[in-house]
Amino acid sequence: MSYGTILFSVDGGIARLTLNRPDKLNSFNAQMHSEVRQALGSLGDGAARVLVLTGAGRGFCAGQDLGDRAVAPGADGIDLGESIDKHYKPLVLALHALPMPVIGAVNGVAAGAGANIALACDLVIAARSATFVQAFSKLGLLPDSGGTWTLPRLVGSARALGLTMLGNKLSAEQAAAWGMIWQCVDDAELGSAVEALARQFAVAPTRGLAWTKAAIRGSWQHSLAEQLDIERDAQRELGRSADYAEGVAAFLEKRTPRFTGR
């Protein structure tokens, strides 16, 4: 399928989705939202076992395109909640719910909703020159796209409040030191680091990884006893999978497992 604002491909078990409005720092407009939604919706056919999300050019994503007429304030203001319900909430929930690992490759600035969409990925690898900016306070808004939920859980309330109320840039190196992202690498190494991780996931036990991300992301809503029950139910299902049988056989035979994601 041909797209105008993104690049999308699936090859060798790896899906690659690149936000492709480099002249606008890959900020979202209505068309990009629609095309990202279509691309993510196509991942249910089983051809992909990992998704890599990145941006074209010198930025990952600058958030919402404020030049988009859909979010331009009028005389009586505008209901931005409609845009969140229609676009950003479904996008963040879709990334969380994908039954495969999602790698965020942050190649440059990730600002506003762009920063929080990056943080919705399961593992974030950022170039050393990349920055994260919770720019909402500069516009009289609060963080959306899950920012008020994700940030306190990643960096704690004190740092989350500082990042969001001040709107200062946070370097990728500092983000990694705070545990906000998985890894910061030199700019020249970003492509190879992401590729190596994607290839590792493309031959990994996908169902087990899908259950892992679902259980960890949902754990905040459960008591310990409830979470133990979820682990039990997941292990019961995964214990019947072809990948578990292959993993045990490979361990006993002292060889590399050949997982199929089933």
C-alpha atoms as a PDB file:
ATOM      1  CA  MET A   1       0.000   0.000   0.000  1.00  0.00           C
ATOM      2  CA  SER A   2       1.245   3.500  -0.826  1.00  0.00           C
ATOM      3  CA  TYR A   3       1.458   6.104   1.939  1.00  0.00           C
ATOM      4  CA  GLY A   4       2.067   9.845   1.817  1.00  0.00           C
ATOM      5  CA  THR A   5       3.266  10.616   5.357  1.00  0.00           C
ATOM      6  CA  ILE A   6       4.881   7.374   6.529  1.00  0.00           C
ATOM      7  CA  LEU A   7       7.128   4.628   5.219  1.00  0.00           C
ATOM      8  CA  PHE A   8       6.027   1.105   6.099  1.00  0.00           C
ATOM      9  CA  SER A   9       7.398  -2.330   5.273  1.00  0.00           C
ATOM     10  CA  VAL A  10       7.514  -5.860   6.657  1.00  0.00           C
ATOM     11  CA  ASP A  11      10.462  -8.095   5.873  1.00  0.00           C
ATOM     12  CA  GLY A  12      12.046 -11.028   7.657  1.00  0.00           C
ATOM     13  CA  GLY A  13       9.614 -10.767  10.555  1.00  0.00           C
ATOM     14  CA  ILE A  14      10.495  -7.090  11.142  1.00  0.00           C
ATOM     15  CA  ALA A  15       7.919  -4.350  10.561  1.00  0.00           C
ATOM     16  CA  ARG A  16       9.382  -0.872  10.075  1.00  0.00           C
ATOM     17  CA  LEU A  17       7.220   2.229  10.431  1.00  0.00           C
ATOM     18  CA  THR A  18       8.929   5.547   9.745  1.00  0.00           C
ATOM     19  CA  LEU A  19       7.132   8.845  10.331  1.00  0.00           C
ATOM     20  CA  ASN A  20       7.936  10.681   7.113  1.00  0.00           C
ATOM     21  CA  ARG A  21       7.255  14.405   7.258  1.00  0.00           C
ATOM     22  CA  PRO A  22      10.868  15.504   7.806  1.00  0.00           C
ATOM     23  CA  ASP A  23      10.193  19.110   6.804  1.00  0.00           C
ATOM     24  CA  LYS A  24       7.757  19.287   9.753  1.00  0.00           C
ATOM     25  CA  LEU A  25       9.933  17.216  12.126  1.00  0.00           C
ATOM     26  CA  ASN A  26       7.439  14.398  11.535  1.00  0.00           C
ATOM     27  CA  SER A  27       4.677  16.163  13.422  1.00  0.00           C
ATOM     28  CA  PHE A  28       1.249  14.565  13.183  1.00  0.00           C
ATOM     29  CA  ASN A  29      -1.543  15.781  10.959  1.00  0.00           C
ATOM     30  CA  ALA A  30      -4.817  14.016  10.170  1.00  0.00           C
ATOM     31  CA  GLN A  31      -3.345  12.106   7.228  1.00  0.00           C
ATOM     32  CA  MET A  32      -0.428  10.758   9.252  1.00  0.00           C
ATOM     33  CA  HIS A  33      -2.775   9.605  11.996  1.00  0.00           C
ATOM     34  CA  SER A  34      -4.877   7.759   9.429  1.00  0.00           C
ATOM     35  CA  GLU A  35      -1.901   6.123   7.747  1.00  0.00           C
ATOM     36  CA  VAL A  36      -0.260   5.045  11.012  1.00  0.00           C
ATOM     37  CA  ARG A  37      -3.584   3.543  12.090  1.00  0.00           C
ATOM     38  CA  GLN A  38      -3.816   1.595   8.805  1.00  0.00           C
ATOM     39  CA  ALA A  39      -0.233   0.347   9.089  1.00  0.00           C
ATOM     40  CA  LEU A  40      -0.634  -0.830  12.672  1.00  0.00           C
ATOM     41  CA  GLY A  41      -3.940  -2.468  11.783  1.00  0.00           C
ATOM     42  CA  SER A  42      -2.231  -4.546   9.109  1.00  0.00           C
ATOM     43  CA  LEU A  43       0.086  -6.213  11.621  1.00  0.00           C
ATOM     44  CA  GLY A  44      -2.456  -8.844  12.614  1.00  0.00           C
ATOM     45  CA  ASP A  45      -1.547 -11.194   9.764  1.00  0.00           C
ATOM     46  CA  GLY A  46       1.387 -12.745  11.653  1.00  0.00           C
ATOM     47  CA  ALA A  47       4.074 -11.733   9.150  1.00  0.00           C
ATOM     48  CA  ALA A  48       5.745  -9.402  11.660  1.00  0.00           C
ATOM     49  CA  ARG A  49       7.177 -10.410  15.028  1.00  0.00           C
ATOM     50  CA  VAL A  50       8.629  -7.016  16.017  1.00  0.00           C
ATOM     51  CA  LEU A  51       7.869  -3.388  15.110  1.00  0.00           C
ATOM     52  CA  VAL A  52      10.481  -0.639  14.774  1.00  0.00           C
ATOM     53  CA  LEU A  53       9.055   2.888  15.019  1.00  0.00           C
ATOM     54  CA  THR A  54      11.285   5.826  14.032  1.00  0.00           C
ATOM     55  CA  GLY A  55      11.305   9.167  12.232  1.00  0.00           C
ATOM     56  CA  ALA A  56      12.790  10.412   8.986  1.00  0.00           C
ATOM     57  CA  GLY A  57      15.413  13.146   8.823  1.00  0.00           C
ATOM     58  CA  ARG A  58      16.682  14.952  11.917  1.00  0.00           C
ATOM     59  CA  GLY A  59      13.739  14.354  14.221  1.00  0.00           C
ATOM     60  CA  PHE A  60      11.696  11.504  15.668  1.00  0.00           C
ATOM     61  CA  CYS A  61       8.440  13.426  16.073  1.00  0.00           C
ATOM     62  CA  ALA A  62       7.615  16.980  17.145  1.00  0.00           C
ATOM     63  CA  GLY A  63       4.121  15.976  18.290  1.00  0.00           C
ATOM     64  CA  GLN A  64       1.040  17.622  16.834  1.00  0.00           C
ATOM     65  CA  ASP A  65       1.392  19.811  13.751  1.00  0.00           C
ATOM     66  CA  LEU A  66       0.026  23.084  15.113  1.00  0.00           C
ATOM     67  CA  GLY A  67      -0.526  24.276  11.560  1.00  0.00           C
ATOM     68  CA  ASP A  68      -3.146  21.571  11.040  1.00  0.00           C
ATOM     69  CA  ARG A  69      -6.539  23.246  10.767  1.00  0.00           C
ATOM     70  CA  ALA A  70      -8.065  20.521  12.935  1.00  0.00           C
ATOM     71  CA  VAL A  71      -6.339  21.908  16.042  1.00  0.00           C
ATOM     72  CA  ALA A  72      -6.343  25.636  15.251  1.00  0.00           C
ATOM     73  CA  PRO A  73      -8.021  27.613  18.061  1.00  0.00           C
ATOM     74  CA  GLY A  74     -10.975  29.753  17.049  1.00  0.00           C
ATOM     75  CA  ALA A  75     -12.755  32.600  18.764  1.00  0.00           C
ATOM     76  CA  ASP A  76     -14.304  30.226  21.272  1.00  0.00           C
ATOM     77  CA  GLY A  77     -11.254  27.981  21.612  1.00  0.00           C
ATOM     78  CA  ILE A  78     -11.243  24.374  20.461  1.00  0.00           C
ATOM     79  CA  ASP A  79     -12.092  20.983  21.910  1.00  0.00           C
ATOM     80  CA  LEU A  80      -8.699  19.276  21.852  1.00  0.00           C
ATOM     81  CA  GLY A  81     -10.245  16.327  23.652  1.00  0.00           C
ATOM     82  CA  GLU A  82     -11.839  15.292  20.378  1.00  0.00           C
ATOM     83  CA  SER A  83      -8.409  14.963  18.759  1.00  0.00           C
ATOM     84  CA  ILE A  84      -7.155  12.886  21.681  1.00  0.00           C
ATOM     85  CA  ASP A  85     -10.138  10.546  21.583  1.00  0.00           C
ATOM     86  CA  LYS A  86      -9.958  10.175  17.811  1.00  0.00           C
ATOM     87  CA  HIS A  87      -6.201   9.935  17.313  1.00  0.00           C
ATOM     88  CA  TYR A  88      -3.750   9.874  20.215  1.00  0.00           C
ATOM     89  CA  LYS A  89      -5.569   7.604  22.655  1.00  0.00           C
ATOM     90  CA  PRO A  90      -6.116   4.845  20.028  1.00  0.00           C
ATOM     91  CA  LEU A  91      -2.486   5.155  18.871  1.00  0.00           C
ATOM     92  CA  VAL A  92      -0.965   4.771  22.333  1.00  0.00           C
ATOM     93  CA  LEU A  93      -3.309   1.917  23.229  1.00  0.00           C
ATOM     94  CA  ALA A  94      -2.523   0.187  19.927  1.00  0.00           C
ATOM     95  CA  LEU A  95       1.230   0.328  20.599  1.00  0.00           C
ATOM     96  CA  HIS A  96       0.711  -1.092  24.085  1.00  0.00           C
ATOM     97  CA  ALA A  97      -1.579  -3.847  22.819  1.00  0.00           C
ATOM     98  CA  LEU A  98       0.467  -5.066  19.845  1.00  0.00           C
ATOM     99  CA  PRO A  99       1.270  -8.753  20.475  1.00  0.00           C
ATOM    100  CA  MET A 100       4.952  -8.209  19.691  1.00  0.00           C
ATOM    101  CA  PRO A 101       7.849  -6.070  20.945  1.00  0.00           C
ATOM    102  CA  VAL A 102       7.803  -2.441  19.804  1.00  0.00           C
ATOM    103  CA  ILE A 103      11.171  -0.696  19.494  1.00  0.00           C
ATOM    104  CA  GLY A 104      11.243   3.091  19.479  1.00  0.00           C
ATOM    105  CA  ALA A 105      14.321   4.330  17.594  1.00  0.00           C
ATOM    106  CA  VAL A 106      14.593   7.996  18.562  1.00  0.00           C
ATOM    107  CA  ASN A 107      16.884   9.605  16.019  1.00  0.00           C
ATOM    108  CA  GLY A 108      16.373  13.248  17.000  1.00  0.00           C
ATOM    109  CA  VAL A 109      13.996  15.501  18.887  1.00  0.00           C
ATOM    110  CA  ALA A 110      10.931  13.842  20.426  1.00  0.00           C
ATOM    111  CA  ALA A 111       8.665  16.631  21.628  1.00  0.00           C
ATOM    112  CA  GLY A 112       5.156  16.897  23.020  1.00  0.00           C
ATOM    113  CA  ALA A 113       3.016  13.977  21.934  1.00  0.00           C
ATOM    114  CA  GLY A 114       6.042  12.720  19.997  1.00  0.00           C
ATOM    115  CA  ALA A 115       7.953  12.201  23.240  1.00  0.00           C
ATOM    116  CA  ASN A 116       5.089  10.287  24.827  1.00  0.00           C
ATOM    117  CA  ILE A 117       4.486   8.169  21.727  1.00  0.00           C
ATOM    118  CA  ALA A 118       8.156   7.183  21.887  1.00  0.00           C
ATOM    119  CA  LEU A 119       7.717   6.259  25.546  1.00  0.00           C
ATOM    120  CA  ALA A 120       4.701   4.109  24.605  1.00  0.00           C
ATOM    121  CA  CYS A 121       7.116   1.749  22.851  1.00  0.00           C
ATOM    122  CA  ASP A 122       8.379  -1.258  24.799  1.00  0.00           C
ATOM    123  CA  LEU A 123      12.090  -0.519  24.383  1.00  0.00           C
ATOM    124  CA  VAL A 124      13.423   2.907  23.414  1.00  0.00           C
ATOM    125  CA  ILE A 125      16.897   3.342  21.951  1.00  0.00           C
ATOM    126  CA  ALA A 126      17.946   6.945  21.336  1.00  0.00           C
ATOM    127  CA  ALA A 127      20.823   8.586  19.522  1.00  0.00           C
ATOM    128  CA  ARG A 128      23.068  10.586  21.853  1.00  0.00           C
ATOM    129  CA  SER A 129      22.060  13.822  20.106  1.00  0.00           C
ATOM    130  CA  ALA A 130      18.345  13.127  20.614  1.00  0.00           C
ATOM    131  CA  THR A 131      16.294  15.068  23.144  1.00  0.00           C
ATOM    132  CA  PHE A 132      12.949  14.593  24.864  1.00  0.00           C
ATOM    133  CA  VAL A 133      10.785  17.655  25.496  1.00  0.00           C
ATOM    134  CA  GLN A 134       7.461  17.805  27.310  1.00  0.00           C
ATOM    135  CA  ALA A 135       6.537  20.991  25.465  1.00  0.00           C
ATOM    136  CA  PHE A 136       2.913  21.190  26.588  1.00  0.00           C
ATOM    137  CA  SER A 137       3.441  23.754  29.354  1.00  0.00           C
ATOM    138  CA  LYS A 138       4.701  26.252  26.758  1.00  0.00           C
ATOM    139  CA  LEU A 139       1.231  26.133  25.169  1.00  0.00           C
ATOM    140  CA  GLY A 140      -0.857  26.199  28.326  1.00  0.00           C
ATOM    141  CA  LEU A 141      -1.631  22.476  28.073  1.00  0.00           C
ATOM    142  CA  LEU A 142      -0.903  19.353  30.064  1.00  0.00           C
ATOM    143  CA  PRO A 143       0.946  16.278  28.722  1.00  0.00           C
ATOM    144  CA  ASP A 144      -1.239  13.948  26.685  1.00  0.00           C
ATOM    145  CA  SER A 145      -0.672  10.690  24.800  1.00  0.00           C
ATOM    146  CA  GLY A 146      -0.220   9.011  28.163  1.00  0.00           C
ATOM    147  CA  GLY A 147       2.451  11.381  29.445  1.00  0.00           C
ATOM    148  CA  THR A 148       0.870  11.916  32.856  1.00  0.00           C
ATOM    149  CA  TRP A 149       0.582   8.133  33.258  1.00  0.00           C
ATOM    150  CA  THR A 150       3.905   7.007  31.773  1.00  0.00           C
ATOM    151  CA  LEU A 151       6.381   9.555  33.120  1.00  0.00           C
ATOM    152  CA  PRO A 152       5.720   9.137  36.874  1.00  0.00           C
ATOM    153  CA  ARG A 153       6.049   5.378  36.464  1.00  0.00           C
ATOM    154  CA  LEU A 154       9.339   5.685  34.618  1.00  0.00           C
ATOM    155  CA  VAL A 155      11.121   8.478  36.492  1.00  0.00           C
ATOM    156  CA  GLY A 156       9.064   9.168  39.635  1.00  0.00           C
ATOM    157  CA  SER A 157       6.755  12.053  40.507  1.00  0.00           C
ATOM    158  CA  ALA A 158       9.443  14.655  41.271  1.00  0.00           C
ATOM    159  CA  ARG A 159      11.199  14.283  37.919  1.00  0.00           C
ATOM    160  CA  ALA A 160       7.903  13.919  36.051  1.00  0.00           C
ATOM    161  CA  LEU A 161       6.670  17.197  37.528  1.00  0.00           C
ATOM    162  CA  GLY A 162       9.917  18.969  36.720  1.00  0.00           C
ATOM    163  CA  LEU A 163       9.954  17.722  33.119  1.00  0.00           C
ATOM    164  CA  THR A 164       6.326  18.577  32.440  1.00  0.00           C
ATOM    165  CA  MET A 165       5.931  21.875  34.312  1.00  0.00           C
ATOM    166  CA  LEU A 166       9.221  23.385  33.137  1.00  0.00           C
ATOM    167  CA  GLY A 167       9.206  21.921  29.635  1.00  0.00           C
ATOM    168  CA  ASN A 168      13.005  21.735  29.524  1.00  0.00           C
ATOM    169  CA  LYS A 169      14.893  19.534  27.072  1.00  0.00           C
ATOM    170  CA  LEU A 170      16.144  16.236  28.467  1.00  0.00           C
ATOM    171  CA  SER A 171      19.127  14.679  26.730  1.00  0.00           C
ATOM    172  CA  ALA A 172      19.018  11.072  25.638  1.00  0.00           C
ATOM    173  CA  GLU A 173      21.969  10.339  27.907  1.00  0.00           C
ATOM    174  CA  GLN A 174      20.134  11.733  30.934  1.00  0.00           C
ATOM    175  CA  ALA A 175      16.943   9.915  29.932  1.00  0.00           C
ATOM    176  CA  ALA A 176      18.857   6.634  29.956  1.00  0.00           C
ATOM    177  CA  ALA A 177      20.493   7.450  33.306  1.00  0.00           C
ATOM    178  CA  TRP A 178      17.042   8.126  34.793  1.00  0.00           C
ATOM    179  CA  GLY A 179      15.626   4.865  33.428  1.00  0.00           C
ATOM    180  CA  MET A 180      13.203   6.691  31.133  1.00  0.00           C
ATOM    181  CA  ILE A 181      14.533   4.852  28.075  1.00  0.00           C
ATOM    182  CA  TRP A 182      16.329   1.560  27.538  1.00  0.00           C
ATOM    183  CA  GLN A 183      19.552   2.759  25.921  1.00  0.00           C
ATOM    184  CA  CYS A 184      21.438   5.768  24.579  1.00  0.00           C
ATOM    185  CA  VAL A 185      23.978   5.105  21.839  1.00  0.00           C
ATOM    186  CA  ASP A 186      26.255   7.224  19.681  1.00  0.00           C
ATOM    187  CA  ASP A 187      24.461   8.648  16.665  1.00  0.00           C
ATOM    188  CA  ALA A 188      26.478   6.538  14.230  1.00  0.00           C
ATOM    189  CA  GLU A 189      25.545   3.359  16.123  1.00  0.00           C
ATOM    190  CA  LEU A 190      21.771   3.895  16.330  1.00  0.00           C
ATOM    191  CA  GLY A 191      20.941   2.049  13.121  1.00  0.00           C
ATOM    192  CA  SER A 192      23.078  -0.995  13.899  1.00  0.00           C
ATOM    193  CA  ALA A 193      21.899  -1.173  17.527  1.00  0.00           C
ATOM    194  CA  VAL A 194      18.227  -1.066  16.513  1.00  0.00           C
ATOM    195  CA  GLU A 195      18.795  -3.579  13.705  1.00  0.00           C
ATOM    196  CA  ALA A 196      20.519  -6.040  16.039  1.00  0.00           C
ATOM    197  CA  LEU A 197      17.680  -5.808  18.564  1.00  0.00           C
ATOM    198  CA  ALA A 198      15.006  -6.133  15.880  1.00  0.00           C
ATOM    199  CA  ARG A 199      16.679  -9.228  14.418  1.00  0.00           C
ATOM    200  CA  GLN A 200      16.907 -10.759  17.887  1.00  0.00           C
ATOM    201  CA  PHE A 201      13.178 -10.237  18.457  1.00  0.00           C
ATOM    202  CA  ALA A 202      12.306 -11.477  14.946  1.00  0.00           C
ATOM    203  CA  VAL A 203      13.437 -14.994  15.912  1.00  0.00           C
ATOM    204  CA  ALA A 204      12.331 -14.867  19.559  1.00  0.00           C
ATOM    205  CA  PRO A 205       9.313 -16.610  21.167  1.00  0.00           C
ATOM    206  CA  THR A 206       6.798 -13.930  20.202  1.00  0.00           C
ATOM    207  CA  ARG A 207       3.814 -15.193  22.207  1.00  0.00           C
ATOM    208  CA  GLY A 208       5.862 -15.271  25.380  1.00  0.00           C
ATOM    209  CA  LEU A 209       7.090 -11.727  24.765  1.00  0.00           C
ATOM    210  CA  ALA A 210       3.546 -10.536  24.040  1.00  0.00           C
ATOM    211  CA  TRP A 211       2.353 -11.988  27.333  1.00  0.00           C
ATOM    212  CA  THR A 212       5.337 -10.444  29.132  1.00  0.00           C
ATOM    213  CA  LYS A 213       4.615  -6.904  27.925  1.00  0.00           C
ATOM    214  CA  ALA A 214       0.891  -7.272  28.615  1.00  0.00           C
ATOM    215  CA  ALA A 215       1.489  -8.546  32.139  1.00  0.00           C
ATOM    216  CA  ILE A 216       4.024  -5.870  33.043  1.00  0.00           C
ATOM    217  CA  ARG A 217       2.006  -3.024  31.563  1.00  0.00           C
ATOM    218  CA  GLY A 218      -1.145  -4.205  33.314  1.00  0.00           C
ATOM    219  CA  SER A 219       0.496  -4.894  36.670  1.00  0.00           C
ATOM    220  CA  TRP A 220      -0.134  -1.380  37.995  1.00  0.00           C
ATOM    221  CA  GLN A 221      -3.857  -2.133  38.054  1.00  0.00           C
ATOM    222  CA  HIS A 222      -3.592  -5.344  40.083  1.00  0.00           C
ATOM    223  CA  SER A 223      -2.778  -6.528  43.558  1.00  0.00           C
ATOM    224  CA  LEU A 224       0.066  -9.002  44.012  1.00  0.00           C
ATOM    225  CA  ALA A 225      -2.429 -11.853  44.397  1.00  0.00           C
ATOM    226  CA  GLU A 226      -4.215 -10.820  41.198  1.00  0.00           C
ATOM    227  CA  GLN A 227      -0.929 -10.561  39.334  1.00  0.00           C
ATOM    228  CA  LEU A 228       0.105 -14.028  40.491  1.00  0.00           C
ATOM    229  CA  ASP A 229      -3.128 -15.344  39.010  1.00  0.00           C
ATOM    230  CA  ILE A 230      -2.377 -13.602  35.714  1.00  0.00           C
ATOM    231  CA  GLU A 231       1.085 -15.172  35.652  1.00  0.00           C
ATOM    232  CA  ARG A 232      -0.458 -18.567  36.333  1.00  0.00           C
ATOM    233  CA  ASP A 233      -2.969 -18.243  33.527  1.00  0.00           C
ATOM    234  CA  ALA A 234      -0.319 -17.013  31.095  1.00  0.00           C
ATOM    235  CA  GLN A 235       2.068 -19.840  31.954  1.00  0.00           C
ATOM    236  CA  ARG A 236      -0.756 -22.325  31.524  1.00  0.00           C
ATOM    237  CA  GLU A 237      -1.344 -21.072  27.975  1.00  0.00           C
ATOM    238  CA  LEU A 238       2.324 -20.663  27.065  1.00  0.00           C
ATOM    239  CA  GLY A 239       3.179 -24.089  28.447  1.00  0.00           C
ATOM    240  CA  ARG A 240       1.123 -25.573  25.609  1.00  0.00           C
ATOM    241  CA  SER A 241       2.848 -23.516  22.905  1.00  0.00           C
ATOM    242  CA  ALA A 242       5.169 -24.826  20.226  1.00  0.00           C
ATOM    243  CA  ASP A 243       7.817 -22.318  21.301  1.00  0.00           C
ATOM    244  CA  TYR A 244       7.935 -23.684  24.843  1.00  0.00           C
ATOM    245  CA  ALA A 245       8.357 -27.224  23.554  1.00  0.00           C
ATOM    246  CA  GLU A 246      11.104 -26.028  21.206  1.00  0.00           C
ATOM    247  CA  GLY A 247      12.816 -24.037  23.957  1.00  0.00           C
ATOM    248  CA  VAL A 248      12.975 -27.051  26.279  1.00  0.00           C
ATOM    249  CA  ALA A 249      14.127 -29.364  23.493  1.00  0.00           C
ATOM    250  CA  ALA A 250      16.868 -26.929  22.457  1.00  0.00           C
ATOM    251  CA  PHE A 251      18.028 -26.575  26.066  1.00  0.00           C
ATOM    252  CA  LEU A 252      18.255 -30.343  26.553  1.00  0.00           C
ATOM    253  CA  GLU A 253      19.957 -30.842  23.187  1.00  0.00           C
ATOM    254  CA  LYS A 254      22.342 -27.913  23.824  1.00  0.00           C
ATOM    255  CA  ARG A 255      21.476 -26.110  20.578  1.00  0.00           C
ATOM    256  CA  THR A 256      20.046 -22.763  19.500  1.00  0.00           C
ATOM    257  CA  PRO A 257      16.226 -22.822  19.598  1.00  0.00           C
ATOM    258  CA  ARG A 258      14.268 -22.277  16.398  1.00  0.00           C
ATOM    259  CA  PHE A 259      11.233 -20.346  17.590  1.00  0.00           C
ATOM    260  CA  THR A 260       8.277 -19.774  15.278  1.00  0.00           C
ATOM    261  CA  GLY A 261       6.272 -17.370  17.422  1.00  0.00           C
ATOM    262  CA  ARG A 262       3.547 -19.981  17.961  1.00  0.00           C
END
